[in-house]
C-alpha atoms as a PDB file:
ATOM      1  CA  MET A   1       0.178   0.121  -0.145  1.00  0.00           C
ATOM      2  CA  ILE A   2       2.865   2.273   0.914  1.00  0.00           C
ATOM      3  CA  LYS A   3       4.513   1.661  -2.432  1.00  0.00           C
ATOM      4  CA  ARG A   4       1.485   2.354  -4.254  1.00  0.00           C
ATOM      5  CA  LEU A   5       1.165   5.494  -2.486  1.00  0.00           C
ATOM      6  CA  ASN A   6       4.364   6.675  -3.588  1.00  0.00           C
ATOM      7  CA  LEU A   7       3.065   6.098  -7.260  1.00  0.00           C
ATOM      8  CA  ASP A   8       0.585   8.845  -6.647  1.00  0.00           C
ATOM      9  CA  SER A   9      -2.482   6.674  -6.357  1.00  0.00           C
ATOM     10  CA  PRO A  10      -5.488   8.446  -5.045  1.00  0.00           C
ATOM     11  CA  GLU A  11      -7.226   5.276  -4.534  1.00  0.00           C
ATOM     12  CA  THR A  12      -4.426   4.183  -2.134  1.00  0.00           C
ATOM     13  CA  MET A  13      -4.846   7.334  -0.196  1.00  0.00           C
ATOM     14  CA  ARG A  14      -8.492   6.512   0.127  1.00  0.00           C
ATOM     15  CA  GLN A  15      -7.627   3.096   1.655  1.00  0.00           C
ATOM     16  CA  ILE A  16      -5.301   4.569   4.170  1.00  0.00           C
ATOM     17  CA  PHE A  17      -7.735   7.190   5.208  1.00  0.00           C
ATOM     18  CA  ASP A  18     -10.465   4.643   5.734  1.00  0.00           C
ATOM     19  CA  LEU A  19      -8.173   2.429   7.423  1.00  0.00           C
ATOM     20  CA  TYR A  20      -6.630   4.863   9.934  1.00  0.00           C
ATOM     21  CA  TYR A  21      -9.020   7.731  10.165  1.00  0.00           C
ATOM     22  CA  LEU A  22     -11.211   6.700  12.948  1.00  0.00           C
ATOM     23  CA  PRO A  23      -8.485   5.101  14.957  1.00  0.00           C
ATOM     24  CA  LEU A  24      -6.471   8.585  14.880  1.00  0.00           C
ATOM     25  CA  CYS A  25      -9.797  10.381  15.413  1.00  0.00           C
ATOM     26  CA  SER A  26      -9.843   8.542  18.906  1.00  0.00           C
ATOM     27  CA  TYR A  27      -6.512   8.970  19.463  1.00  0.00           C
ATOM     28  CA  ALA A  28      -6.537  12.681  18.685  1.00  0.00           C
ATOM     29  CA  LEU A  29      -9.632  12.793  21.055  1.00  0.00           C
ATOM     30  CA  ARG A  30      -7.765  11.861  24.013  1.00  0.00           C
ATOM     31  CA  TYR A  31      -5.758  15.272  23.636  1.00  0.00           C
ATOM     32  CA  VAL A  32      -8.336  17.678  22.489  1.00  0.00           C
ATOM     33  CA  GLU A  33     -11.406  16.284  23.736  1.00  0.00           C
ATOM     34  CA  CYS A  34     -13.759  17.483  20.975  1.00  0.00           C
ATOM     35  CA  ILE A  35     -14.706  15.289  18.076  1.00  0.00           C
ATOM     36  CA  SER A  36     -14.642  18.196  15.370  1.00  0.00           C
ATOM     37  CA  ILE A  37     -11.419  19.332  16.457  1.00  0.00           C
ATOM     38  CA  ALA A  38     -10.140  15.806  16.485  1.00  0.00           C
ATOM     39  CA  GLU A  39     -11.416  14.887  12.980  1.00  0.00           C
ATOM     40  CA  GLU A  40     -10.089  18.251  11.754  1.00  0.00           C
ATOM     41  CA  ILE A  41      -6.622  17.185  13.239  1.00  0.00           C
ATOM     42  CA  VAL A  42      -6.675  13.925  11.672  1.00  0.00           C
ATOM     43  CA  SER A  43      -7.574  15.308   8.304  1.00  0.00           C
ATOM     44  CA  ASP A  44      -4.704  17.591   8.474  1.00  0.00           C
ATOM     45  CA  VAL A  45      -2.464  14.618   8.915  1.00  0.00           C
ATOM     46  CA  MET A  46      -3.932  12.968   6.073  1.00  0.00           C
ATOM     47  CA  TYR A  47      -3.248  16.004   4.098  1.00  0.00           C
ATOM     48  CA  LYS A  48       0.149  15.837   4.927  1.00  0.00           C
ATOM     49  CA  VAL A  49       0.612  12.432   4.002  1.00  0.00           C
ATOM     50  CA  TRP A  50      -0.461  12.983   0.720  1.00  0.00           C
ATOM     51  CA  GLN A  51       1.733  15.866   0.477  1.00  0.00           C
ATOM     52  CA  ASN A  52       4.584  13.848   1.834  1.00  0.00           C
ATOM     53  CA  ARG A  53       3.678  10.542  -0.282  1.00  0.00           C
ATOM     54  CA  HIS A  54       7.128  10.265  -1.928  1.00  0.00           C
ATOM     55  CA  PHE A  55       8.608   9.825   1.459  1.00  0.00           C
ATOM     56  CA  ASP A  56      10.036   6.348   1.966  1.00  0.00           C
ATOM     57  CA  TYR A  57       7.930   4.730   4.721  1.00  0.00           C
ATOM     58  CA  SER A  58       8.174   1.234   6.142  1.00  0.00           C
ATOM     59  CA  ALA A  59       5.071  -0.288   7.265  1.00  0.00           C
ATOM     60  CA  ASP A  60       6.243   0.151  11.033  1.00  0.00           C
ATOM     61  CA  THR A  61       7.344   3.781  10.576  1.00  0.00           C
ATOM     62  CA  PHE A  62       4.107   4.886   8.534  1.00  0.00           C
ATOM     63  CA  ARG A  63       1.937   3.743  11.488  1.00  0.00           C
ATOM     64  CA  GLU A  64       4.535   5.510  13.902  1.00  0.00           C
ATOM     65  CA  TYR A  65       4.516   8.566  11.675  1.00  0.00           C
ATOM     66  CA  LEU A  66       0.440   8.647  11.706  1.00  0.00           C
ATOM     67  CA  HIS A  67       0.356   8.628  15.562  1.00  0.00           C
ATOM     68  CA  THR A  68       3.403  10.869  15.910  1.00  0.00           C
ATOM     69  CA  ALA A  69       2.203  13.230  13.667  1.00  0.00           C
ATOM     70  CA  THR A  70      -1.583  13.111  15.227  1.00  0.00           C
ATOM     71  CA  ARG A  71      -0.240  13.745  18.607  1.00  0.00           C
ATOM     72  CA  ASN A  72       2.043  16.674  17.601  1.00  0.00           C
ATOM     73  CA  THR A  73      -0.718  18.206  15.510  1.00  0.00           C
ATOM     74  CA  ALA A  74      -3.091  18.043  18.449  1.00  0.00           C
ATOM     75  CA  LEU A  75      -0.411  19.183  21.036  1.00  0.00           C
ATOM     76  CA  ASN A  76       0.175  22.371  18.344  1.00  0.00           C
ATOM     77  CA  TYR A  77      -3.331  22.831  18.334  1.00  0.00           C
ATOM     78  CA  LEU A  78      -3.482  22.999  22.201  1.00  0.00           C
ATOM     79  CA  LYS A  79      -0.560  25.285  22.304  1.00  0.00           C
ATOM     80  CA  GLN A  80      -1.982  27.721  19.835  1.00  0.00           C
ATOM     81  CA  LYS A  81      -5.132  27.816  21.872  1.00  0.00           C
ATOM     82  CA  GLN A  82      -3.465  28.523  25.172  1.00  0.00           C
ATOM     83  CA  ASN A  83      -1.734  31.339  23.132  1.00  0.00           C
ATOM     84  CA  LEU A  84      -4.854  32.675  22.078  1.00  0.00           C
ATOM     85  CA  GLN A  85      -6.341  32.562  25.538  1.00  0.00           C
ATOM     86  CA  ASN A  86      -3.262  34.374  26.795  1.00  0.00           C
ATOM     87  CA  LEU A  87      -3.489  36.882  24.512  1.00  0.00           C
ATOM     88  CA  SER A  88      -7.220  37.428  24.569  1.00  0.00           C
ATOM     89  CA  ASN A  89      -6.536  37.743  28.551  1.00  0.00           C
ATOM     90  CA  SER A  90      -3.736  40.190  27.979  1.00  0.00           C
ATOM     91  CA  TRP A  91      -5.745  42.478  25.800  1.00  0.00           C
ATOM     92  CA  ALA A  92      -8.788  42.238  28.218  1.00  0.00           C
ATOM     93  CA  GLU A  93      -6.358  43.353  30.791  1.00  0.00           C
ATOM     94  CA  HIS A  94      -4.905  46.118  29.016  1.00  0.00           C
ATOM     95  CA  ILE A  95      -8.503  47.388  27.973  1.00  0.00           C
ATOM     96  CA  ARG A  96      -9.706  47.009  31.666  1.00  0.00           C
ATOM     97  CA  GLU A  97      -6.522  49.070  32.823  1.00  0.00           C
ATOM     98  CA  GLU A  98      -7.021  51.693  30.028  1.00  0.00           C
ATOM     99  CA  LEU A  99     -10.645  52.146  30.974  1.00  0.00           C
ATOM    100  CA  ILE A 100      -9.719  52.138  34.610  1.00  0.00           C
ATOM    101  CA  GLU A 101      -6.865  54.623  34.196  1.00  0.00           C
ATOM    102  CA  GLU A 102      -7.579  58.069  35.753  1.00  0.00           C
ATOM    103  CA  THR A 103      -6.477  61.167  34.043  1.00  0.00           C
ATOM    104  CA  PRO A 104      -5.266  64.422  35.720  1.00  0.00           C
ATOM    105  CA  LEU A 105      -8.717  65.698  35.113  1.00  0.00           C
ATOM    106  CA  ASP A 106     -10.458  62.674  36.660  1.00  0.00           C
ATOM    107  CA  HIS A 107      -8.032  63.217  39.818  1.00  0.00           C
ATOM    108  CA  LEU A 108      -9.222  66.885  40.018  1.00  0.00           C
ATOM    109  CA  ILE A 109     -12.820  66.188  39.560  1.00  0.00           C
ATOM    110  CA  THR A 110     -12.510  63.219  42.265  1.00  0.00           C
ATOM    111  CA  LYS A 111     -10.598  65.649  44.645  1.00  0.00           C
ATOM    112  CA  GLU A 112     -13.249  68.468  44.275  1.00  0.00           C
ATOM    113  CA  MET A 113     -16.200  66.149  44.631  1.00  0.00           C
ATOM    114  CA  GLN A 114     -14.487  64.639  48.046  1.00  0.00           C
ATOM    115  CA  GLU A 115     -14.224  68.219  49.230  1.00  0.00           C
ATOM    116  CA  LYS A 116     -17.775  69.110  48.364  1.00  0.00           C
ATOM    117  CA  LEU A 117     -18.877  65.990  50.023  1.00  0.00           C
ATOM    118  CA  GLU A 118     -16.759  66.780  53.143  1.00  0.00           C
ATOM    119  CA  ASN A 119     -18.273  70.350  53.338  1.00  0.00           C
ATOM    120  CA  LEU A 120     -21.730  68.733  52.983  1.00  0.00           C
ATOM    121  CA  MET A 121     -21.150  66.416  55.798  1.00  0.00           C
ATOM    122  CA  ASP A 122     -19.855  69.433  57.883  1.00  0.00           C
ATOM    123  CA  LYS A 123     -22.966  71.196  57.414  1.00  0.00           C
ATOM    124  CA  LEU A 124     -24.953  68.215  58.438  1.00  0.00           C
ATOM    125  CA  PRO A 125     -26.525  68.418  62.331  1.00  0.00           C
ATOM    126  CA  ASP A 126     -24.159  66.805  64.716  1.00  0.00           C
ATOM    127  CA  GLN A 127     -26.396  63.789  65.353  1.00  0.00           C
ATOM    128  CA  CYS A 128     -27.538  63.153  61.952  1.00  0.00           C
ATOM    129  CA  ARG A 129     -24.024  63.400  60.521  1.00  0.00           C
ATOM    130  CA  LYS A 130     -22.654  60.820  63.466  1.00  0.00           C
ATOM    131  CA  THR A 131     -25.652  58.408  62.561  1.00  0.00           C
ATOM    132  CA  PHE A 132     -24.850  58.375  58.974  1.00  0.00           C
ATOM    133  CA  LEU A 133     -21.153  57.819  59.524  1.00  0.00           C
ATOM    134  CA  MET A 134     -21.920  54.703  61.815  1.00  0.00           C
ATOM    135  CA  SER A 135     -24.143  53.272  58.981  1.00  0.00           C
ATOM    136  CA  ARG A 136     -21.950  54.192  56.069  1.00  0.00           C
ATOM    137  CA  ILE A 137     -18.398  53.939  57.176  1.00  0.00           C
ATOM    138  CA  ASP A 138     -18.758  51.672  60.355  1.00  0.00           C
ATOM    139  CA  ASP A 139     -21.296  49.480  58.673  1.00  0.00           C
ATOM    140  CA  MET A 140     -23.310  49.227  61.677  1.00  0.00           C
ATOM    141  CA  THR A 141     -26.825  48.370  61.724  1.00  0.00           C
ATOM    142  CA  TYR A 142     -29.874  50.516  62.753  1.00  0.00           C
ATOM    143  CA  GLU A 143     -30.444  48.724  66.035  1.00  0.00           C
ATOM    144  CA  GLU A 144     -26.677  48.887  66.737  1.00  0.00           C
ATOM    145  CA  ILE A 145     -26.773  52.438  66.362  1.00  0.00           C
ATOM    146  CA  ALA A 146     -30.218  52.998  68.073  1.00  0.00           C
ATOM    147  CA  ASN A 147     -28.528  51.248  71.152  1.00  0.00           C
ATOM    148  CA  LEU A 148     -25.136  53.292  71.045  1.00  0.00           C
ATOM    149  CA  MET A 149     -26.716  56.280  70.791  1.00  0.00           C
ATOM    150  CA  ASN A 150     -29.809  55.570  72.917  1.00  0.00           C
ATOM    151  CA  ILE A 151     -32.578  56.750  70.539  1.00  0.00           C
ATOM    152  CA  SER A 152     -35.256  54.540  68.657  1.00  0.00           C
ATOM    153  CA  VAL A 153     -34.652  52.870  65.444  1.00  0.00           C
ATOM    154  CA  ASN A 154     -37.146  55.107  63.705  1.00  0.00           C
ATOM    155  CA  THR A 155     -34.858  58.148  64.867  1.00  0.00           C
ATOM    156  CA  VAL A 156     -31.890  56.432  63.183  1.00  0.00           C
ATOM    157  CA  LYS A 157     -33.950  55.784  59.887  1.00  0.00           C
ATOM    158  CA  TYR A 158     -34.861  59.711  60.107  1.00  0.00           C
ATOM    159  CA  HIS A 159     -31.488  60.904  60.428  1.00  0.00           C
ATOM    160  CA  ILE A 160     -29.954  58.696  57.492  1.00  0.00           C
ATOM    161  CA  LYS A 161     -32.883  59.805  55.348  1.00  0.00           C
ATOM    162  CA  THR A 162     -32.266  63.531  56.107  1.00  0.00           C
ATOM    163  CA  ALA A 163     -28.485  63.115  55.569  1.00  0.00           C
ATOM    164  CA  LEU A 164     -29.045  61.207  52.172  1.00  0.00           C
ATOM    165  CA  GLN A 165     -31.274  64.048  51.054  1.00  0.00           C
ATOM    166  CA  LYS A 166     -29.227  66.785  52.036  1.00  0.00           C
ATOM    167  CA  LEU A 167     -25.979  65.378  50.587  1.00  0.00           C
ATOM    168  CA  ARG A 168     -28.161  64.371  47.185  1.00  0.00           C
ATOM    169  CA  ASN A 169     -29.334  67.936  46.927  1.00  0.00           C
ATOM    170  CA  GLY A 170     -25.832  69.339  47.660  1.00  0.00           C
ATOM    171  CA  LEU A 171     -24.253  67.219  45.230  1.00  0.00           C
ATOM    172  CA  ARG A 172     -26.684  68.063  42.504  1.00  0.00           C
ATOM    173  CA  ASP A 173     -25.541  71.420  41.977  1.00  0.00           C
ATOM    174  CA  PHE A 174     -21.785  69.964  41.742  1.00  0.00           C
ATOM    175  CA  ILE A 175     -22.676  67.441  39.164  1.00  0.00           C
END
């Protein structure tokens, strides 16, 4: 069969294909875990066999060549897939950094907004500001704040609602 392949026999290539295609697909499937990819790998190997049909194969080396070529093609596929994944991750990280990177204008606006917020917080009534800070900064529950300040939970809710309204109104002018 190998000698007939050397004589450019398409029928012989078809016989080789029919004989080895399914076993090589099963072998490739161990590496790539996807039937369509395994079939593509084996098709590529068969195409290489046809391209190299004048190579002097022996019966043993031909079978070894098919397995080695299938394994190497599968490993190359996995390597390319990993490289593409790494490149994709790298680009995604780069784009994320570009989007997150702050410009000097962003820093200025952030600083101005922080100053405005601090000024608004200073203008809040003392108990209202304390209640708000305990809730939002210290992450305390309404019950914890009420117990600590010796006020009712409804009073805590009122102070937080008042603080939020005043802060929103004050920032509306800024934005």
